[in-house]
């Protein structure tokens, strides 16, 4: 998924999936943490990249396919 929001600061990127991490005064820091946990429960992974503030960020979800 690509986003054209305000970007993710480089020092925030390693923590965005941590429980309780938020930069919003109205946030709780549960959304990305919960999504990452759900991905892990399904043998997957959620990761992110960002060019920094003012740049696009990308979220990647990967899952193992078993047939």
PDB file of N, CA and C in Angstrom:
ATOM      1  N   UNK A   1       0.847  -1.154   0.000  1.00  0.00           N
ATOM      2  CA  UNK A   1       0.000   0.000   0.000  1.00  0.00           C
ATOM      3  C   UNK A   1       0.899   1.225   0.000  1.00  0.00           C
ATOM      4  N   UNK A   2       0.597   2.166  -0.830  1.00  0.00           N
ATOM      5  CA  UNK A   2       1.288   3.455  -0.843  1.00  0.00           C
ATOM      6  C   UNK A   2       0.394   4.496  -0.184  1.00  0.00           C
ATOM      7  N   UNK A   3       1.018   5.488   0.386  1.00  0.00           N
ATOM      8  CA  UNK A   3       0.283   6.545   1.067  1.00  0.00           C
ATOM      9  C   UNK A   3       0.902   7.867   0.669  1.00  0.00           C
ATOM     10  N   UNK A   4       0.099   8.891   0.538  1.00  0.00           N
ATOM     11  CA  UNK A   4       0.645  10.207   0.217  1.00  0.00           C
ATOM     12  C   UNK A   4       0.428  11.185   1.366  1.00  0.00           C
ATOM     13  N   UNK A   5       0.521  10.674   2.583  1.00  0.00           N
ATOM     14  CA  UNK A   5       0.353  11.500   3.775  1.00  0.00           C
ATOM     15  C   UNK A   5       1.601  12.305   4.085  1.00  0.00           C
ATOM     16  N   UNK A   6       1.798  12.606   5.341  1.00  0.00           N
ATOM     17  CA  UNK A   6       2.906  13.471   5.757  1.00  0.00           C
ATOM     18  C   UNK A   6       4.234  12.741   5.879  1.00  0.00           C
ATOM     19  N   UNK A   7       4.244  11.441   5.747  1.00  0.00           N
ATOM     20  CA  UNK A   7       5.474  10.668   5.852  1.00  0.00           C
ATOM     21  C   UNK A   7       5.745  10.227   7.283  1.00  0.00           C
ATOM     22  N   UNK A   8       6.753   9.400   7.420  1.00  0.00           N
ATOM     23  CA  UNK A   8       7.136   8.872   8.725  1.00  0.00           C
ATOM     24  C   UNK A   8       8.573   9.327   8.983  1.00  0.00           C
ATOM     25  N   UNK A   9       8.784   9.982  10.094  1.00  0.00           N
ATOM     26  CA  UNK A   9      10.130  10.424  10.456  1.00  0.00           C
ATOM     27  C   UNK A   9      11.041   9.212  10.632  1.00  0.00           C
ATOM     28  N   UNK A  10      12.297   9.346  10.233  1.00  0.00           N
ATOM     29  CA  UNK A  10      13.250   8.235  10.293  1.00  0.00           C
ATOM     30  C   UNK A  10      13.375   7.655  11.699  1.00  0.00           C
ATOM     31  N   UNK A  11      13.340   8.492  12.723  1.00  0.00           N
ATOM     32  CA  UNK A  11      13.476   7.978  14.090  1.00  0.00           C
ATOM     33  C   UNK A  11      12.195   7.304  14.585  1.00  0.00           C
ATOM     34  N   UNK A  12      11.078   7.489  13.904  1.00  0.00           N
ATOM     35  CA  UNK A  12       9.826   6.825  14.272  1.00  0.00           C
ATOM     36  C   UNK A  12       9.673   5.470  13.586  1.00  0.00           C
ATOM     37  N   UNK A  13      10.258   5.317  12.421  1.00  0.00           N
ATOM     38  CA  UNK A  13      10.041   4.121  11.608  1.00  0.00           C
ATOM     39  C   UNK A  13      10.295   2.810  12.359  1.00  0.00           C
ATOM     40  N   UNK A  14      11.370   2.683  13.138  1.00  0.00           N
ATOM     41  CA  UNK A  14      11.588   1.410  13.842  1.00  0.00           C
ATOM     42  C   UNK A  14      10.535   1.107  14.909  1.00  0.00           C
ATOM     43  N   UNK A  15       9.749   2.114  15.310  1.00  0.00           N
ATOM     44  CA  UNK A  15       8.804   1.924  16.420  1.00  0.00           C
ATOM     45  C   UNK A  15       7.340   1.891  16.005  1.00  0.00           C
ATOM     46  N   UNK A  16       7.023   2.058  14.725  1.00  0.00           N
ATOM     47  CA  UNK A  16       5.609   2.223  14.357  1.00  0.00           C
ATOM     48  C   UNK A  16       4.753   0.997  14.629  1.00  0.00           C
ATOM     49  N   UNK A  17       5.362  -0.180  14.764  1.00  0.00           N
ATOM     50  CA  UNK A  17       4.590  -1.384  15.060  1.00  0.00           C
ATOM     51  C   UNK A  17       4.606  -1.735  16.543  1.00  0.00           C
ATOM     52  N   UNK A  18       5.217  -0.905  17.369  1.00  0.00           N
ATOM     53  CA  UNK A  18       5.280  -1.140  18.816  1.00  0.00           C
ATOM     54  C   UNK A  18       3.951  -0.778  19.478  1.00  0.00           C
ATOM     55  N   UNK A  19       3.568  -1.579  20.444  1.00  0.00           N
ATOM     56  CA  UNK A  19       2.335  -1.337  21.188  1.00  0.00           C
ATOM     57  C   UNK A  19       2.374   0.031  21.853  1.00  0.00           C
ATOM     58  N   UNK A  20       1.369   0.837  21.614  1.00  0.00           N
ATOM     59  CA  UNK A  20       1.254   2.129  22.259  1.00  0.00           C
ATOM     60  C   UNK A  20       1.974   3.275  21.567  1.00  0.00           C
ATOM     61  N   UNK A  21       2.728   2.989  20.493  1.00  0.00           N
ATOM     62  CA  UNK A  21       3.434   4.080  19.821  1.00  0.00           C
ATOM     63  C   UNK A  21       2.471   4.874  18.945  1.00  0.00           C
ATOM     64  N   UNK A  22       2.443   6.174  19.148  1.00  0.00           N
ATOM     65  CA  UNK A  22       1.630   7.060  18.319  1.00  0.00           C
ATOM     66  C   UNK A  22       2.265   8.445  18.297  1.00  0.00           C
ATOM     67  N   UNK A  23       2.006   9.163  17.239  1.00  0.00           N
ATOM     68  CA  UNK A  23       2.423  10.558  17.167  1.00  0.00           C
ATOM     69  C   UNK A  23       1.204  11.468  17.178  1.00  0.00           C
ATOM     70  N   UNK A  24       0.029  10.868  17.295  1.00  0.00           N
ATOM     71  CA  UNK A  24      -1.224  11.622  17.268  1.00  0.00           C
ATOM     72  C   UNK A  24      -1.721  11.880  18.685  1.00  0.00           C
ATOM     73  N   UNK A  25      -2.185  13.069  18.918  1.00  0.00           N
ATOM     74  CA  UNK A  25      -2.736  13.383  20.238  1.00  0.00           C
ATOM     75  C   UNK A  25      -4.036  12.626  20.498  1.00  0.00           C
ATOM     76  N   UNK A  26      -4.654  12.130  19.444  1.00  0.00           N
ATOM     77  CA  UNK A  26      -5.903  11.385  19.586  1.00  0.00           C
ATOM     78  C   UNK A  26      -5.712   9.883  19.390  1.00  0.00           C
ATOM     79  N   UNK A  27      -4.485   9.458  19.100  1.00  0.00           N
ATOM     80  CA  UNK A  27      -4.218   8.048  18.830  1.00  0.00           C
ATOM     81  C   UNK A  27      -3.909   7.270  20.093  1.00  0.00           C
ATOM     82  N   UNK A  28      -3.976   5.943  19.948  1.00  0.00           N
ATOM     83  CA  UNK A  28      -3.670   5.052  21.068  1.00  0.00           C
ATOM     84  C   UNK A  28      -2.490   4.139  20.769  1.00  0.00           C
ATOM     85  N   UNK A  29      -2.091   4.067  19.500  1.00  0.00           N
ATOM     86  CA  UNK A  29      -0.958   3.221  19.140  1.00  0.00           C
ATOM     87  C   UNK A  29      -1.288   1.748  19.085  1.00  0.00           C
ATOM     88  N   UNK A  30      -2.530   1.404  18.796  1.00  0.00           N
ATOM     89  CA  UNK A  30      -2.922  -0.003  18.726  1.00  0.00           C
ATOM     90  C   UNK A  30      -3.081  -0.504  17.294  1.00  0.00           C
ATOM     91  N   UNK A  31      -3.344   0.380  16.344  1.00  0.00           N
ATOM     92  CA  UNK A  31      -3.692  -0.030  14.981  1.00  0.00           C
ATOM     93  C   UNK A  31      -2.608  -0.817  14.262  1.00  0.00           C
ATOM     94  N   UNK A  32      -1.439  -0.217  14.057  1.00  0.00           N
ATOM     95  CA  UNK A  32      -0.371  -0.915  13.349  1.00  0.00           C
ATOM     96  C   UNK A  32       0.178  -2.076  14.168  1.00  0.00           C
ATOM     97  N   UNK A  33       0.198  -1.932  15.472  1.00  0.00           N
ATOM     98  CA  UNK A  33       0.640  -3.026  16.338  1.00  0.00           C
ATOM     99  C   UNK A  33      -0.285  -4.230  16.169  1.00  0.00           C
ATOM    100  N   UNK A  34      -1.587  -3.984  16.194  1.00  0.00           N
ATOM    101  CA  UNK A  34      -2.565  -5.068  16.033  1.00  0.00           C
ATOM    102  C   UNK A  34      -2.463  -5.697  14.651  1.00  0.00           C
ATOM    103  N   UNK A  35      -2.280  -4.880  13.622  1.00  0.00           N
ATOM    104  CA  UNK A  35      -2.144  -5.406  12.260  1.00  0.00           C
ATOM    105  C   UNK A  35      -0.905  -6.281  12.136  1.00  0.00           C
ATOM    106  N   UNK A  36       0.208  -5.855  12.720  1.00  0.00           N
ATOM    107  CA  UNK A  36       1.439  -6.649  12.675  1.00  0.00           C
ATOM    108  C   UNK A  36       1.270  -7.964  13.430  1.00  0.00           C
ATOM    109  N   UNK A  37       0.592  -7.932  14.561  1.00  0.00           N
ATOM    110  CA  UNK A  37       0.323  -9.161  15.317  1.00  0.00           C
ATOM    111  C   UNK A  37      -0.552 -10.112  14.513  1.00  0.00           C
ATOM    112  N   UNK A  38      -1.579  -9.581  13.862  1.00  0.00           N
ATOM    113  CA  UNK A  38      -2.464 -10.417  13.057  1.00  0.00           C
ATOM    114  C   UNK A  38      -1.690 -11.071  11.913  1.00  0.00           C
ATOM    115  N   UNK A  39      -0.813 -10.318  11.280  1.00  0.00           N
ATOM    116  CA  UNK A  39       0.002 -10.881  10.198  1.00  0.00           C
ATOM    117  C   UNK A  39       0.879 -12.011  10.724  1.00  0.00           C
ATOM    118  N   UNK A  40       1.523 -11.804  11.886  1.00  0.00           N
ATOM    119  CA  UNK A  40       2.374 -12.848  12.464  1.00  0.00           C
ATOM    120  C   UNK A  40       1.573 -14.098  12.813  1.00  0.00           C
ATOM    121  N   UNK A  41       0.360 -13.913  13.288  1.00  0.00           N
ATOM    122  CA  UNK A  41      -0.499 -15.064  13.629  1.00  0.00           C
ATOM    123  C   UNK A  41      -0.799 -15.918  12.400  1.00  0.00           C
ATOM    124  N   UNK A  42      -0.731 -15.298  11.223  1.00  0.00           N
ATOM    125  CA  UNK A  42      -0.996 -16.014   9.973  1.00  0.00           C
ATOM    126  C   UNK A  42       0.302 -16.318   9.228  1.00  0.00           C
ATOM    127  N   UNK A  43       1.414 -16.414   9.984  1.00  0.00           N
ATOM    128  CA  UNK A  43       2.744 -16.690   9.441  1.00  0.00           C
ATOM    129  C   UNK A  43       3.169 -15.650   8.410  1.00  0.00           C
ATOM    130  N   UNK A  44       2.774 -14.421   8.639  1.00  0.00           N
ATOM    131  CA  UNK A  44       3.118 -13.334   7.731  1.00  0.00           C
ATOM    132  C   UNK A  44       3.940 -12.269   8.412  1.00  0.00           C
ATOM    133  N   UNK A  45       4.101 -11.166   7.722  1.00  0.00           N
ATOM    134  CA  UNK A  45       4.897 -10.062   8.229  1.00  0.00           C
ATOM    135  C   UNK A  45       4.340  -8.756   7.688  1.00  0.00           C
ATOM    136  N   UNK A  46       4.439  -7.720   8.481  1.00  0.00           N
ATOM    137  CA  UNK A  46       4.062  -6.378   8.077  1.00  0.00           C
ATOM    138  C   UNK A  46       5.286  -5.503   8.267  1.00  0.00           C
ATOM    139  N   UNK A  47       5.657  -4.754   7.231  1.00  0.00           N
ATOM    140  CA  UNK A  47       6.827  -3.879   7.312  1.00  0.00           C
ATOM    141  C   UNK A  47       6.514  -2.561   6.618  1.00  0.00           C
ATOM    142  N   UNK A  48       7.390  -1.587   6.825  1.00  0.00           N
ATOM    143  CA  UNK A  48       7.149  -0.262   6.260  1.00  0.00           C
ATOM    144  C   UNK A  48       8.455   0.375   5.822  1.00  0.00           C
ATOM    145  N   UNK A  49       8.345   1.232   4.811  1.00  0.00           N
ATOM    146  CA  UNK A  49       9.454   2.083   4.395  1.00  0.00           C
ATOM    147  C   UNK A  49       8.921   3.499   4.246  1.00  0.00           C
ATOM    148  N   UNK A  50       9.787   4.453   4.391  1.00  0.00           N
ATOM    149  CA  UNK A  50       9.394   5.842   4.205  1.00  0.00           C
ATOM    150  C   UNK A  50      10.613   6.636   3.783  1.00  0.00           C
ATOM    151  N   UNK A  51      10.394   7.604   2.919  1.00  0.00           N
ATOM    152  CA  UNK A  51      11.464   8.501   2.516  1.00  0.00           C
ATOM    153  C   UNK A  51      11.670   9.621   3.514  1.00  0.00           C
ATOM    154  N   UNK A  52      10.909   9.607   4.599  1.00  0.00           N
ATOM    155  CA  UNK A  52      11.015  10.645   5.624  1.00  0.00           C
ATOM    156  C   UNK A  52       9.813  11.572   5.577  1.00  0.00           C
ATOM    157  N   UNK A  53       9.843  12.584   6.393  1.00  0.00           N
ATOM    158  CA  UNK A  53       8.733  13.526   6.451  1.00  0.00           C
ATOM    159  C   UNK A  53       8.552  14.218   5.104  1.00  0.00           C
ATOM    160  N   UNK A  54       7.308  14.336   4.703  1.00  0.00           N
ATOM    161  CA  UNK A  54       6.988  14.957   3.425  1.00  0.00           C
ATOM    162  C   UNK A  54       7.080  14.018   2.238  1.00  0.00           C
ATOM    163  N   UNK A  55       7.465  12.776   2.473  1.00  0.00           N
ATOM    164  CA  UNK A  55       7.594  11.783   1.407  1.00  0.00           C
ATOM    165  C   UNK A  55       6.581  10.666   1.612  1.00  0.00           C
ATOM    166  N   UNK A  56       6.340   9.914   0.556  1.00  0.00           N
ATOM    167  CA  UNK A  56       5.394   8.794   0.636  1.00  0.00           C
ATOM    168  C   UNK A  56       5.959   7.678   1.510  1.00  0.00           C
ATOM    169  N   UNK A  57       5.073   6.936   2.107  1.00  0.00           N
ATOM    170  CA  UNK A  57       5.468   5.743   2.832  1.00  0.00           C
ATOM    171  C   UNK A  57       4.797   4.547   2.190  1.00  0.00           C
ATOM    172  N   UNK A  58       5.396   3.386   2.393  1.00  0.00           N
ATOM    173  CA  UNK A  58       4.843   2.152   1.859  1.00  0.00           C
ATOM    174  C   UNK A  58       4.755   1.128   2.972  1.00  0.00           C
ATOM    175  N   UNK A  59       3.630   0.444   3.012  1.00  0.00           N
ATOM    176  CA  UNK A  59       3.443  -0.675   3.930  1.00  0.00           C
ATOM    177  C   UNK A  59       3.394  -1.945   3.104  1.00  0.00           C
ATOM    178  N   UNK A  60       4.102  -2.957   3.560  1.00  0.00           N
ATOM    179  CA  UNK A  60       4.169  -4.219   2.870  1.00  0.00           C
ATOM    180  C   UNK A  60       3.626  -5.320   3.784  1.00  0.00           C
ATOM    181  N   UNK A  61       2.789  -6.169   3.237  1.00  0.00           N
ATOM    182  CA  UNK A  61       2.364  -7.353   3.967  1.00  0.00           C
ATOM    183  C   UNK A  61       2.776  -8.558   3.138  1.00  0.00           C
ATOM    184  N   UNK A  62       3.414  -9.507   3.788  1.00  0.00           N
ATOM    185  CA  UNK A  62       3.844 -10.717   3.113  1.00  0.00           C
ATOM    186  C   UNK A  62       3.316 -11.910   3.888  1.00  0.00           C
ATOM    187  N   UNK A  63       2.882 -12.913   3.154  1.00  0.00           N
ATOM    188  CA  UNK A  63       2.325 -14.124   3.760  1.00  0.00           C
ATOM    189  C   UNK A  63       2.864 -15.340   3.014  1.00  0.00           C
ATOM    190  N   UNK A  64       3.111 -16.378   3.763  1.00  0.00           N
ATOM    191  CA  UNK A  64       3.567 -17.631   3.174  1.00  0.00           C
ATOM    192  C   UNK A  64       2.354 -18.354   2.599  1.00  0.00           C
ATOM    193  N   UNK A  65       2.496 -18.810   1.385  1.00  0.00           N
ATOM    194  CA  UNK A  65       1.417 -19.544   0.716  1.00  0.00           C
ATOM    195  C   UNK A  65       1.724 -21.021   0.802  1.00  0.00           C
ATOM    196  N   UNK A  66       0.823 -21.755   1.394  1.00  0.00           N
ATOM    197  CA  UNK A  66       0.974 -23.190   1.515  1.00  0.00           C
ATOM    198  C   UNK A  66      -0.120 -23.862   0.695  1.00  0.00           C
ATOM    199  N   UNK A  67       0.283 -24.730  -0.210  1.00  0.00           N
ATOM    200  CA  UNK A  67      -0.709 -25.438  -1.039  1.00  0.00           C
ATOM    201  C   UNK A  67      -0.563 -26.909  -0.895  1.00  0.00           C
TER     202      UNK A  67
END
